N, C-alpha and C. Protein backbone atom coordinates (compact mmCIF):
# COMPACT_ATOMS: atom_id res chain seq x y z
N MET A 1 60.72 41.19 109.38
CA MET A 1 60.79 42.20 110.38
C MET A 1 59.43 42.89 110.47
N ILE A 2 58.98 43.09 111.67
CA ILE A 2 57.67 43.68 111.91
C ILE A 2 57.88 45.08 112.49
N PHE A 3 57.16 46.04 111.87
CA PHE A 3 57.21 47.42 112.35
C PHE A 3 56.00 47.68 113.22
N ARG A 4 56.26 48.23 114.34
CA ARG A 4 55.16 48.54 115.24
C ARG A 4 55.06 50.04 115.42
N ILE A 5 53.90 50.53 115.48
CA ILE A 5 53.65 51.95 115.71
C ILE A 5 53.51 52.14 117.21
N HIS A 6 54.36 53.00 117.71
CA HIS A 6 54.30 53.28 119.14
C HIS A 6 53.39 54.47 119.39
N PRO A 7 52.54 54.38 120.35
CA PRO A 7 51.62 55.47 120.61
C PRO A 7 52.31 56.70 121.23
N ASN A 8 53.54 56.60 121.70
CA ASN A 8 54.22 57.72 122.34
C ASN A 8 55.19 58.45 121.40
N ARG A 9 55.00 58.39 120.12
CA ARG A 9 55.89 59.04 119.15
C ARG A 9 55.51 60.50 118.91
N LYS A 10 54.59 61.05 119.59
CA LYS A 10 54.12 62.40 119.40
C LYS A 10 55.24 63.42 119.65
N GLY A 11 56.09 63.19 120.60
CA GLY A 11 57.19 64.10 120.92
C GLY A 11 58.18 64.25 119.78
N ALA A 12 58.44 63.18 119.07
CA ALA A 12 59.37 63.24 117.95
C ALA A 12 58.81 64.09 116.82
N ILE A 13 57.51 64.02 116.57
CA ILE A 13 56.89 64.82 115.52
C ILE A 13 56.89 66.29 115.93
N GLU A 14 56.61 66.59 117.18
CA GLU A 14 56.62 67.97 117.65
C GLU A 14 58.02 68.56 117.53
N LEU A 15 59.03 67.79 117.83
CA LEU A 15 60.40 68.27 117.70
C LEU A 15 60.70 68.58 116.25
N SER A 16 60.26 67.75 115.34
CA SER A 16 60.50 67.98 113.92
C SER A 16 59.78 69.24 113.46
N ILE A 17 58.56 69.47 113.87
CA ILE A 17 57.80 70.66 113.48
C ILE A 17 58.46 71.90 114.08
N GLY A 18 58.90 71.81 115.32
CA GLY A 18 59.59 72.94 115.96
C GLY A 18 60.87 73.29 115.22
N THR A 19 61.61 72.29 114.80
CA THR A 19 62.85 72.52 114.04
C THR A 19 62.54 73.20 112.71
N ILE A 20 61.50 72.75 112.05
CA ILE A 20 61.11 73.34 110.76
C ILE A 20 60.69 74.80 110.95
N VAL A 21 59.95 75.09 111.99
CA VAL A 21 59.52 76.47 112.26
C VAL A 21 60.74 77.36 112.52
N ILE A 22 61.69 76.87 113.29
CA ILE A 22 62.90 77.65 113.56
C ILE A 22 63.68 77.89 112.28
N ILE A 23 63.80 76.90 111.44
CA ILE A 23 64.52 77.05 110.17
C ILE A 23 63.81 78.08 109.28
N VAL A 24 62.49 78.02 109.20
CA VAL A 24 61.72 78.98 108.39
C VAL A 24 61.91 80.40 108.93
N LEU A 25 61.83 80.57 110.25
CA LEU A 25 62.04 81.89 110.84
C LEU A 25 63.47 82.39 110.59
N ALA A 26 64.44 81.51 110.73
CA ALA A 26 65.83 81.90 110.49
C ALA A 26 66.04 82.33 109.04
N MET A 27 65.47 81.59 108.11
CA MET A 27 65.60 81.95 106.68
C MET A 27 64.91 83.29 106.41
N SER A 28 63.76 83.52 107.02
CA SER A 28 63.05 84.80 106.86
C SER A 28 63.91 85.95 107.36
N MET A 29 64.51 85.77 108.53
CA MET A 29 65.38 86.81 109.09
C MET A 29 66.60 87.05 108.20
N LEU A 30 67.17 85.99 107.66
CA LEU A 30 68.32 86.12 106.76
C LEU A 30 67.93 86.90 105.52
N ILE A 31 66.80 86.57 104.93
CA ILE A 31 66.36 87.27 103.72
C ILE A 31 66.07 88.73 104.03
N LEU A 32 65.40 89.01 105.14
CA LEU A 32 65.13 90.41 105.52
C LEU A 32 66.44 91.17 105.76
N GLY A 33 67.39 90.51 106.39
CA GLY A 33 68.70 91.14 106.61
C GLY A 33 69.40 91.46 105.31
N LEU A 34 69.37 90.52 104.36
CA LEU A 34 70.01 90.76 103.06
C LEU A 34 69.33 91.90 102.30
N VAL A 35 68.01 91.96 102.36
CA VAL A 35 67.27 93.06 101.71
C VAL A 35 67.65 94.39 102.34
N LEU A 36 67.76 94.42 103.66
CA LEU A 36 68.14 95.65 104.36
C LEU A 36 69.55 96.08 103.96
N VAL A 37 70.50 95.17 103.96
CA VAL A 37 71.88 95.50 103.58
C VAL A 37 71.93 96.00 102.14
N LYS A 38 71.18 95.34 101.25
CA LYS A 38 71.16 95.78 99.85
C LYS A 38 70.62 97.19 99.73
N SER A 39 69.56 97.50 100.45
CA SER A 39 68.98 98.85 100.36
C SER A 39 69.94 99.90 100.93
N ILE A 40 70.66 99.55 101.98
CA ILE A 40 71.64 100.49 102.56
C ILE A 40 72.75 100.77 101.55
N PHE A 41 73.30 99.72 100.94
CA PHE A 41 74.39 99.92 99.99
C PHE A 41 73.92 100.61 98.73
N THR A 42 72.70 100.34 98.29
CA THR A 42 72.17 101.03 97.12
C THR A 42 72.04 102.52 97.41
N GLY A 43 71.55 102.86 98.59
CA GLY A 43 71.44 104.26 98.98
C GLY A 43 72.80 104.92 99.09
N ALA A 44 73.78 104.22 99.64
CA ALA A 44 75.13 104.77 99.77
C ALA A 44 75.75 105.00 98.40
N LYS A 45 75.57 104.06 97.48
CA LYS A 45 76.11 104.22 96.13
C LYS A 45 75.47 105.41 95.44
N TYR A 46 74.16 105.58 95.62
CA TYR A 46 73.48 106.74 95.03
C TYR A 46 74.06 108.03 95.59
N ASN A 47 74.29 108.08 96.91
CA ASN A 47 74.85 109.29 97.52
C ASN A 47 76.24 109.59 97.00
N VAL A 48 77.08 108.57 96.83
CA VAL A 48 78.43 108.79 96.30
C VAL A 48 78.35 109.29 94.87
N ASP A 49 77.48 108.68 94.06
CA ASP A 49 77.31 109.14 92.67
C ASP A 49 76.83 110.59 92.64
N GLN A 50 75.92 110.94 93.53
CA GLN A 50 75.40 112.30 93.59
C GLN A 50 76.52 113.28 93.96
N ILE A 51 77.36 112.91 94.92
CA ILE A 51 78.48 113.77 95.31
C ILE A 51 79.44 113.93 94.14
N ASN A 52 79.75 112.83 93.43
CA ASN A 52 80.64 112.93 92.27
C ASN A 52 80.06 113.86 91.22
N ASP A 53 78.77 113.76 90.96
CA ASP A 53 78.12 114.63 89.98
C ASP A 53 78.18 116.09 90.44
N ASN A 54 78.00 116.33 91.73
CA ASN A 54 78.06 117.69 92.26
C ASN A 54 79.48 118.26 92.14
N VAL A 55 80.50 117.43 92.40
CA VAL A 55 81.89 117.89 92.27
C VAL A 55 82.18 118.23 90.82
N LYS A 56 81.76 117.38 89.88
CA LYS A 56 81.96 117.66 88.46
C LYS A 56 81.28 118.97 88.06
N ALA A 57 80.05 119.16 88.52
CA ALA A 57 79.32 120.39 88.18
C ALA A 57 80.02 121.61 88.75
N GLU A 58 80.52 121.50 89.97
CA GLU A 58 81.22 122.64 90.59
C GLU A 58 82.53 122.93 89.87
N ILE A 59 83.24 121.90 89.44
CA ILE A 59 84.48 122.10 88.70
C ILE A 59 84.18 122.77 87.36
N ASN A 60 83.14 122.33 86.67
CA ASN A 60 82.75 122.97 85.41
C ASN A 60 82.39 124.44 85.64
N LYS A 61 81.70 124.71 86.73
CA LYS A 61 81.34 126.09 87.08
C LYS A 61 82.61 126.93 87.31
N LEU A 62 83.59 126.36 88.01
CA LEU A 62 84.84 127.08 88.26
C LEU A 62 85.59 127.36 86.95
N PHE A 63 85.60 126.39 86.03
CA PHE A 63 86.23 126.63 84.72
C PHE A 63 85.53 127.79 84.01
N ASN A 64 84.22 127.81 84.04
CA ASN A 64 83.47 128.86 83.35
C ASN A 64 83.66 130.22 84.00
N GLU A 65 83.73 130.26 85.34
CA GLU A 65 83.89 131.53 86.05
C GLU A 65 85.30 132.09 85.91
N LYS A 66 86.30 131.25 86.08
CA LYS A 66 87.68 131.72 86.13
C LYS A 66 88.35 131.74 84.76
N GLY A 67 87.91 130.88 83.85
CA GLY A 67 88.54 130.82 82.54
C GLY A 67 89.99 130.35 82.60
N THR A 68 90.30 129.48 83.54
CA THR A 68 91.67 129.00 83.71
C THR A 68 91.88 127.66 83.02
N LYS A 69 93.12 127.23 82.99
CA LYS A 69 93.47 125.95 82.38
C LYS A 69 93.34 124.79 83.35
N SER A 70 93.38 125.11 84.65
CA SER A 70 93.22 124.08 85.68
C SER A 70 92.47 124.68 86.86
N VAL A 71 91.73 123.83 87.55
CA VAL A 71 91.02 124.27 88.75
C VAL A 71 91.22 123.25 89.86
N ILE A 72 91.22 123.77 91.08
CA ILE A 72 91.26 122.94 92.28
C ILE A 72 89.97 123.18 93.02
N TYR A 73 89.29 122.10 93.38
CA TYR A 73 88.00 122.23 94.05
C TYR A 73 88.20 122.21 95.56
N LEU A 74 88.43 123.38 96.11
CA LEU A 74 88.55 123.59 97.55
C LEU A 74 88.09 125.02 97.84
N PRO A 75 87.29 125.23 98.86
CA PRO A 75 86.93 126.61 99.21
C PRO A 75 88.19 127.39 99.57
N ASP A 76 88.40 128.48 98.88
CA ASP A 76 89.58 129.34 99.10
C ASP A 76 90.90 128.58 98.96
N ASN A 77 90.88 127.48 98.20
CA ASN A 77 92.07 126.64 97.99
C ASN A 77 92.71 126.19 99.30
N GLN A 78 91.91 126.00 100.34
CA GLN A 78 92.45 125.61 101.64
C GLN A 78 91.60 124.52 102.27
N ALA A 79 92.28 123.58 102.95
CA ALA A 79 91.59 122.50 103.65
C ALA A 79 92.20 122.33 105.04
N ASP A 80 91.34 122.10 106.02
CA ASP A 80 91.78 121.80 107.38
C ASP A 80 91.69 120.30 107.58
N ILE A 81 92.82 119.68 107.96
CA ILE A 81 92.87 118.23 108.14
C ILE A 81 93.34 117.93 109.56
N LYS A 82 92.62 117.05 110.24
CA LYS A 82 93.02 116.64 111.59
C LYS A 82 94.09 115.56 111.49
N LYS A 83 94.93 115.52 112.49
CA LYS A 83 95.96 114.47 112.55
C LYS A 83 95.31 113.10 112.49
N GLY A 84 95.92 112.19 111.74
CA GLY A 84 95.42 110.83 111.63
C GLY A 84 94.30 110.67 110.61
N GLU A 85 93.90 111.73 109.94
CA GLU A 85 92.83 111.65 108.95
C GLU A 85 93.37 111.86 107.55
N SER A 86 92.56 111.48 106.58
CA SER A 86 92.94 111.70 105.18
C SER A 86 91.92 112.62 104.54
N TYR A 87 92.33 113.24 103.43
CA TYR A 87 91.49 114.23 102.76
C TYR A 87 91.78 114.17 101.27
N GLY A 88 90.77 114.41 100.46
CA GLY A 88 90.93 114.40 99.02
C GLY A 88 90.74 115.78 98.44
N VAL A 89 91.67 116.17 97.57
CA VAL A 89 91.61 117.46 96.88
C VAL A 89 91.37 117.17 95.40
N ALA A 90 90.22 117.61 94.88
CA ALA A 90 89.87 117.35 93.49
C ALA A 90 90.45 118.44 92.59
N PHE A 91 90.93 118.03 91.41
CA PHE A 91 91.38 119.01 90.43
C PHE A 91 91.05 118.50 89.03
N SER A 92 91.05 119.43 88.09
CA SER A 92 90.80 119.07 86.71
C SER A 92 91.64 119.96 85.80
N ILE A 93 91.82 119.51 84.57
CA ILE A 93 92.65 120.20 83.58
C ILE A 93 91.82 120.38 82.32
N GLN A 94 91.98 121.53 81.69
CA GLN A 94 91.31 121.79 80.41
C GLN A 94 92.38 122.01 79.34
N ASN A 95 92.20 121.37 78.20
CA ASN A 95 93.14 121.52 77.08
C ASN A 95 92.72 122.71 76.24
N ASP A 96 93.47 123.82 76.37
CA ASP A 96 93.21 125.04 75.60
C ASP A 96 94.20 125.23 74.46
N LEU A 97 95.01 124.21 74.19
CA LEU A 97 96.02 124.33 73.14
C LEU A 97 95.36 124.42 71.77
N ARG A 98 95.87 125.30 70.94
CA ARG A 98 95.31 125.50 69.60
C ARG A 98 96.29 124.97 68.56
N GLY A 99 95.74 124.66 67.39
CA GLY A 99 96.58 124.28 66.26
C GLY A 99 96.82 122.80 66.09
N ASP A 100 96.27 121.98 66.95
CA ASP A 100 96.47 120.53 66.84
C ASP A 100 95.17 119.83 67.19
N SER A 101 94.78 118.86 66.37
CA SER A 101 93.53 118.15 66.63
C SER A 101 93.75 116.84 67.40
N ASN A 102 94.99 116.52 67.66
CA ASN A 102 95.31 115.29 68.39
C ASN A 102 95.32 115.54 69.89
N PRO A 103 94.96 114.52 70.66
CA PRO A 103 95.04 114.70 72.12
C PRO A 103 96.50 114.86 72.56
N LYS A 104 96.66 115.63 73.61
CA LYS A 104 97.98 115.85 74.20
C LYS A 104 98.05 115.16 75.55
N ASP A 105 99.24 114.69 75.90
CA ASP A 105 99.47 114.10 77.22
C ASP A 105 99.78 115.22 78.20
N PHE A 106 98.95 115.34 79.22
CA PHE A 106 99.16 116.32 80.27
C PHE A 106 99.71 115.58 81.48
N ARG A 107 100.84 116.05 81.97
CA ARG A 107 101.50 115.44 83.11
C ARG A 107 101.41 116.42 84.28
N TRP A 108 101.10 115.92 85.46
CA TRP A 108 101.06 116.80 86.62
C TRP A 108 101.97 116.28 87.71
N ASN A 109 102.34 117.21 88.58
CA ASN A 109 103.21 116.89 89.70
C ASN A 109 102.77 117.78 90.87
N VAL A 110 102.59 117.18 92.04
CA VAL A 110 102.21 117.92 93.24
C VAL A 110 103.35 117.82 94.23
N LYS A 111 103.83 118.96 94.70
CA LYS A 111 104.94 119.01 95.66
C LYS A 111 104.67 120.09 96.69
N ALA A 112 105.14 119.84 97.89
CA ALA A 112 105.09 120.87 98.92
C ALA A 112 106.07 121.97 98.54
N SER A 113 105.61 123.21 98.59
CA SER A 113 106.49 124.31 98.17
C SER A 113 106.81 125.26 99.32
N SER A 114 105.98 125.26 100.35
CA SER A 114 106.21 126.19 101.44
C SER A 114 105.61 125.63 102.72
N ILE A 115 106.31 125.87 103.83
CA ILE A 115 105.83 125.42 105.14
C ILE A 115 105.86 126.61 106.08
N GLU A 116 104.87 126.68 106.94
CA GLU A 116 104.75 127.76 107.90
C GLU A 116 106.07 127.94 108.68
N LYS A 117 106.47 129.19 108.87
CA LYS A 117 107.70 129.48 109.61
C LYS A 117 107.59 128.93 111.03
N GLY A 118 108.67 128.35 111.49
CA GLY A 118 108.72 127.80 112.84
C GLY A 118 108.23 126.36 112.93
N CYS A 119 107.75 125.83 111.85
CA CYS A 119 107.24 124.46 111.85
C CYS A 119 108.41 123.49 111.67
N GLN A 120 108.47 122.47 112.49
CA GLN A 120 109.54 121.47 112.43
C GLN A 120 109.17 120.37 111.44
N LEU A 121 109.05 120.75 110.17
CA LEU A 121 108.66 119.82 109.12
C LEU A 121 109.45 120.17 107.87
N THR A 122 109.97 119.16 107.19
CA THR A 122 110.70 119.39 105.94
C THR A 122 109.75 119.27 104.76
N LEU A 123 110.15 119.83 103.63
CA LEU A 123 109.35 119.71 102.42
C LEU A 123 109.20 118.25 102.00
N GLU A 124 110.28 117.47 102.17
CA GLU A 124 110.23 116.04 101.81
C GLU A 124 109.22 115.29 102.68
N LYS A 125 109.20 115.61 103.97
CA LYS A 125 108.24 114.96 104.87
C LYS A 125 106.81 115.38 104.50
N ALA A 126 106.62 116.65 104.16
CA ALA A 126 105.29 117.12 103.73
C ALA A 126 104.86 116.41 102.45
N ASP A 127 105.82 116.17 101.54
CA ASP A 127 105.51 115.43 100.30
C ASP A 127 105.06 114.01 100.61
N SER A 128 105.59 113.43 101.68
CA SER A 128 105.22 112.04 102.02
C SER A 128 103.78 111.93 102.51
N TYR A 129 103.13 113.04 102.84
CA TYR A 129 101.74 113.01 103.26
C TYR A 129 100.81 112.75 102.08
N ILE A 130 101.29 112.99 100.85
CA ILE A 130 100.47 112.72 99.66
C ILE A 130 100.57 111.22 99.39
N ILE A 131 99.43 110.54 99.48
CA ILE A 131 99.45 109.08 99.34
C ILE A 131 98.91 108.61 97.99
N LEU A 132 98.29 109.50 97.22
CA LEU A 132 97.72 109.11 95.93
C LEU A 132 97.68 110.30 94.98
N ASN A 133 98.07 110.06 93.74
CA ASN A 133 98.03 111.05 92.66
C ASN A 133 98.94 112.25 92.89
N SER A 134 100.14 112.02 93.42
CA SER A 134 101.10 113.12 93.50
C SER A 134 101.64 113.46 92.11
N ASP A 135 101.52 112.51 91.20
CA ASP A 135 101.88 112.79 89.80
C ASP A 135 101.10 111.82 88.91
N GLY A 136 101.08 112.14 87.64
CA GLY A 136 100.37 111.29 86.70
C GLY A 136 100.35 111.89 85.31
N VAL A 137 99.83 111.13 84.37
CA VAL A 137 99.72 111.57 82.98
C VAL A 137 98.33 111.19 82.48
N VAL A 138 97.73 112.10 81.73
CA VAL A 138 96.41 111.83 81.16
C VAL A 138 96.31 112.51 79.80
N PRO A 139 95.80 111.80 78.76
CA PRO A 139 95.59 112.44 77.47
C PRO A 139 94.26 113.21 77.47
N ILE A 140 94.27 114.40 76.90
CA ILE A 140 93.05 115.22 76.80
C ILE A 140 92.96 115.77 75.39
N ASN A 141 91.79 115.62 74.78
CA ASN A 141 91.54 116.15 73.44
C ASN A 141 91.47 117.67 73.48
N PRO A 142 91.80 118.34 72.37
CA PRO A 142 91.72 119.80 72.33
C PRO A 142 90.30 120.30 72.64
N GLY A 143 90.23 121.32 73.48
CA GLY A 143 88.95 121.91 73.85
C GLY A 143 88.18 121.14 74.90
N GLU A 144 88.73 120.04 75.39
CA GLU A 144 88.02 119.23 76.39
C GLU A 144 88.71 119.30 77.75
N ARG A 145 88.01 118.78 78.75
CA ARG A 145 88.51 118.71 80.12
C ARG A 145 88.63 117.25 80.51
N LEU A 146 89.26 117.00 81.64
CA LEU A 146 89.28 115.64 82.19
C LEU A 146 87.85 115.16 82.35
N SER A 147 87.58 113.95 81.90
CA SER A 147 86.22 113.43 82.04
C SER A 147 85.89 113.16 83.50
N GLN A 148 86.86 112.75 84.28
CA GLN A 148 86.71 112.54 85.71
C GLN A 148 87.78 113.36 86.43
N PRO A 149 87.38 114.24 87.35
CA PRO A 149 88.40 114.96 88.12
C PRO A 149 89.31 113.99 88.85
N ARG A 150 90.55 114.34 88.99
CA ARG A 150 91.50 113.53 89.75
C ARG A 150 91.47 113.98 91.20
N ILE A 151 91.74 113.04 92.09
CA ILE A 151 91.74 113.33 93.52
C ILE A 151 93.16 113.13 94.05
N ILE A 152 93.69 114.17 94.66
CA ILE A 152 94.97 114.08 95.35
C ILE A 152 94.63 113.71 96.80
N SER A 153 95.07 112.54 97.24
CA SER A 153 94.77 112.07 98.60
C SER A 153 95.93 112.41 99.52
N ILE A 154 95.58 113.06 100.61
CA ILE A 154 96.58 113.46 101.60
C ILE A 154 96.20 112.83 102.93
N GLU A 155 97.16 112.17 103.55
CA GLU A 155 96.94 111.55 104.86
C GLU A 155 97.96 112.11 105.83
N VAL A 156 97.47 112.73 106.88
CA VAL A 156 98.34 113.36 107.87
C VAL A 156 98.52 112.38 109.03
N PRO A 157 99.77 111.97 109.32
CA PRO A 157 99.98 111.03 110.43
C PRO A 157 99.73 111.67 111.79
N GLU A 158 99.51 110.84 112.78
CA GLU A 158 99.25 111.31 114.15
C GLU A 158 100.41 112.13 114.72
N GLU A 159 101.62 111.79 114.32
CA GLU A 159 102.79 112.47 114.88
C GLU A 159 103.14 113.76 114.15
N ALA A 160 102.35 114.18 113.18
CA ALA A 160 102.64 115.38 112.40
C ALA A 160 102.50 116.63 113.28
N PRO A 161 103.38 117.61 113.07
CA PRO A 161 103.25 118.85 113.83
C PRO A 161 102.08 119.69 113.28
N LEU A 162 101.55 120.55 114.12
CA LEU A 162 100.50 121.47 113.68
C LEU A 162 101.13 122.54 112.80
N CYS A 163 100.87 122.48 111.51
CA CYS A 163 101.52 123.37 110.55
C CYS A 163 100.56 123.74 109.42
N ILE A 164 101.00 124.70 108.66
CA ILE A 164 100.32 125.06 107.41
C ILE A 164 101.30 124.76 106.28
N ILE A 165 100.82 124.00 105.28
CA ILE A 165 101.66 123.58 104.16
C ILE A 165 101.01 124.03 102.86
N GLN A 166 101.82 124.61 101.99
CA GLN A 166 101.34 124.94 100.65
C GLN A 166 101.88 123.91 99.67
N TYR A 167 100.97 123.34 98.87
CA TYR A 167 101.34 122.39 97.82
C TYR A 167 101.11 123.06 96.47
N ASP A 168 102.05 122.88 95.56
CA ASP A 168 101.90 123.39 94.20
C ASP A 168 101.54 122.25 93.26
N LEU A 169 100.58 122.52 92.40
CA LEU A 169 100.18 121.59 91.34
C LEU A 169 100.73 122.18 90.04
N ILE A 170 101.72 121.52 89.45
CA ILE A 170 102.33 121.97 88.20
C ILE A 170 101.89 121.01 87.10
N ILE A 171 101.39 121.57 86.00
CA ILE A 171 100.91 120.78 84.87
C ILE A 171 101.82 121.05 83.68
N TYR A 172 102.27 119.96 83.06
CA TYR A 172 103.20 120.05 81.93
C TYR A 172 102.57 119.47 80.67
N VAL A 173 102.96 120.04 79.53
CA VAL A 173 102.66 119.47 78.22
C VAL A 173 103.98 119.50 77.45
N GLU A 174 104.40 118.34 76.98
CA GLU A 174 105.64 118.21 76.21
C GLU A 174 106.81 118.89 76.92
N ASN A 175 106.96 118.61 78.21
CA ASN A 175 108.07 119.10 79.05
C ASN A 175 108.08 120.61 79.26
N SER A 176 107.00 121.30 78.92
CA SER A 176 106.87 122.73 79.20
C SER A 176 105.73 122.91 80.20
N VAL A 177 105.90 123.90 81.07
CA VAL A 177 104.85 124.17 82.05
C VAL A 177 103.63 124.71 81.32
N TYR A 178 102.51 124.04 81.50
CA TYR A 178 101.25 124.45 80.88
C TYR A 178 100.46 125.36 81.82
N ASP A 179 100.42 125.00 83.10
CA ASP A 179 99.69 125.78 84.10
C ASP A 179 100.18 125.37 85.48
N SER A 180 99.91 126.22 86.44
CA SER A 180 100.22 125.88 87.83
C SER A 180 99.10 126.39 88.71
N ASN A 181 98.95 125.71 89.83
CA ASN A 181 97.91 126.06 90.80
C ASN A 181 98.43 125.66 92.16
N PHE A 182 97.72 125.98 93.20
CA PHE A 182 98.19 125.63 94.55
C PHE A 182 97.00 125.38 95.46
N PHE A 183 97.28 124.71 96.57
CA PHE A 183 96.30 124.58 97.65
C PHE A 183 97.08 124.52 98.95
N ILE A 184 96.38 124.87 100.04
CA ILE A 184 96.98 124.96 101.36
C ILE A 184 96.30 123.95 102.28
N ILE A 185 97.13 123.25 103.04
CA ILE A 185 96.64 122.30 104.03
C ILE A 185 97.01 122.83 105.41
N ARG A 186 96.01 122.92 106.26
CA ARG A 186 96.24 123.32 107.66
C ARG A 186 96.03 122.09 108.52
N ILE A 187 97.11 121.65 109.18
CA ILE A 187 97.02 120.47 110.05
C ILE A 187 96.53 120.91 111.41
N GLU A 188 95.47 120.25 111.86
CA GLU A 188 94.89 120.60 113.17
C GLU A 188 95.09 119.48 114.16
């Protein structure tokens, strides 16, 4: 078999070079895109960590100022939530029990306790708005606080009436009430 070189093969080489250039440009764009996405997520993670650190610092400040056994991190213990949105209420517990060096199990329960007069909402329905951490148990060593504040997540459905709801946070140790606190949700 004899191979002949055709003088008109220039177009095939140009097509190959053009394809290679497009592939190189596409890979460059992909790498730049990945670097951009990584930098965005790194910045977002830093911001979330910074917010968490600020919440912890504010909760520690509230413990020091009030000298209480539990704190809720909300200005004036009140939050305004729009219909269809969710909101997180941070709280922490401090173990002030004396006479025992072992950690104690602290149990909490969050329930709606009061609803604005004239509002067509039941306490049970208001309780259903709490979607995370309505109750739980955590061990805490004597003289220490929760290492991470807990977040009570509340999601108000679109069909919810415009109301004001008071939720009580009750904290128990060995089936006895250790402390209680409250927060108010205003549905807008």
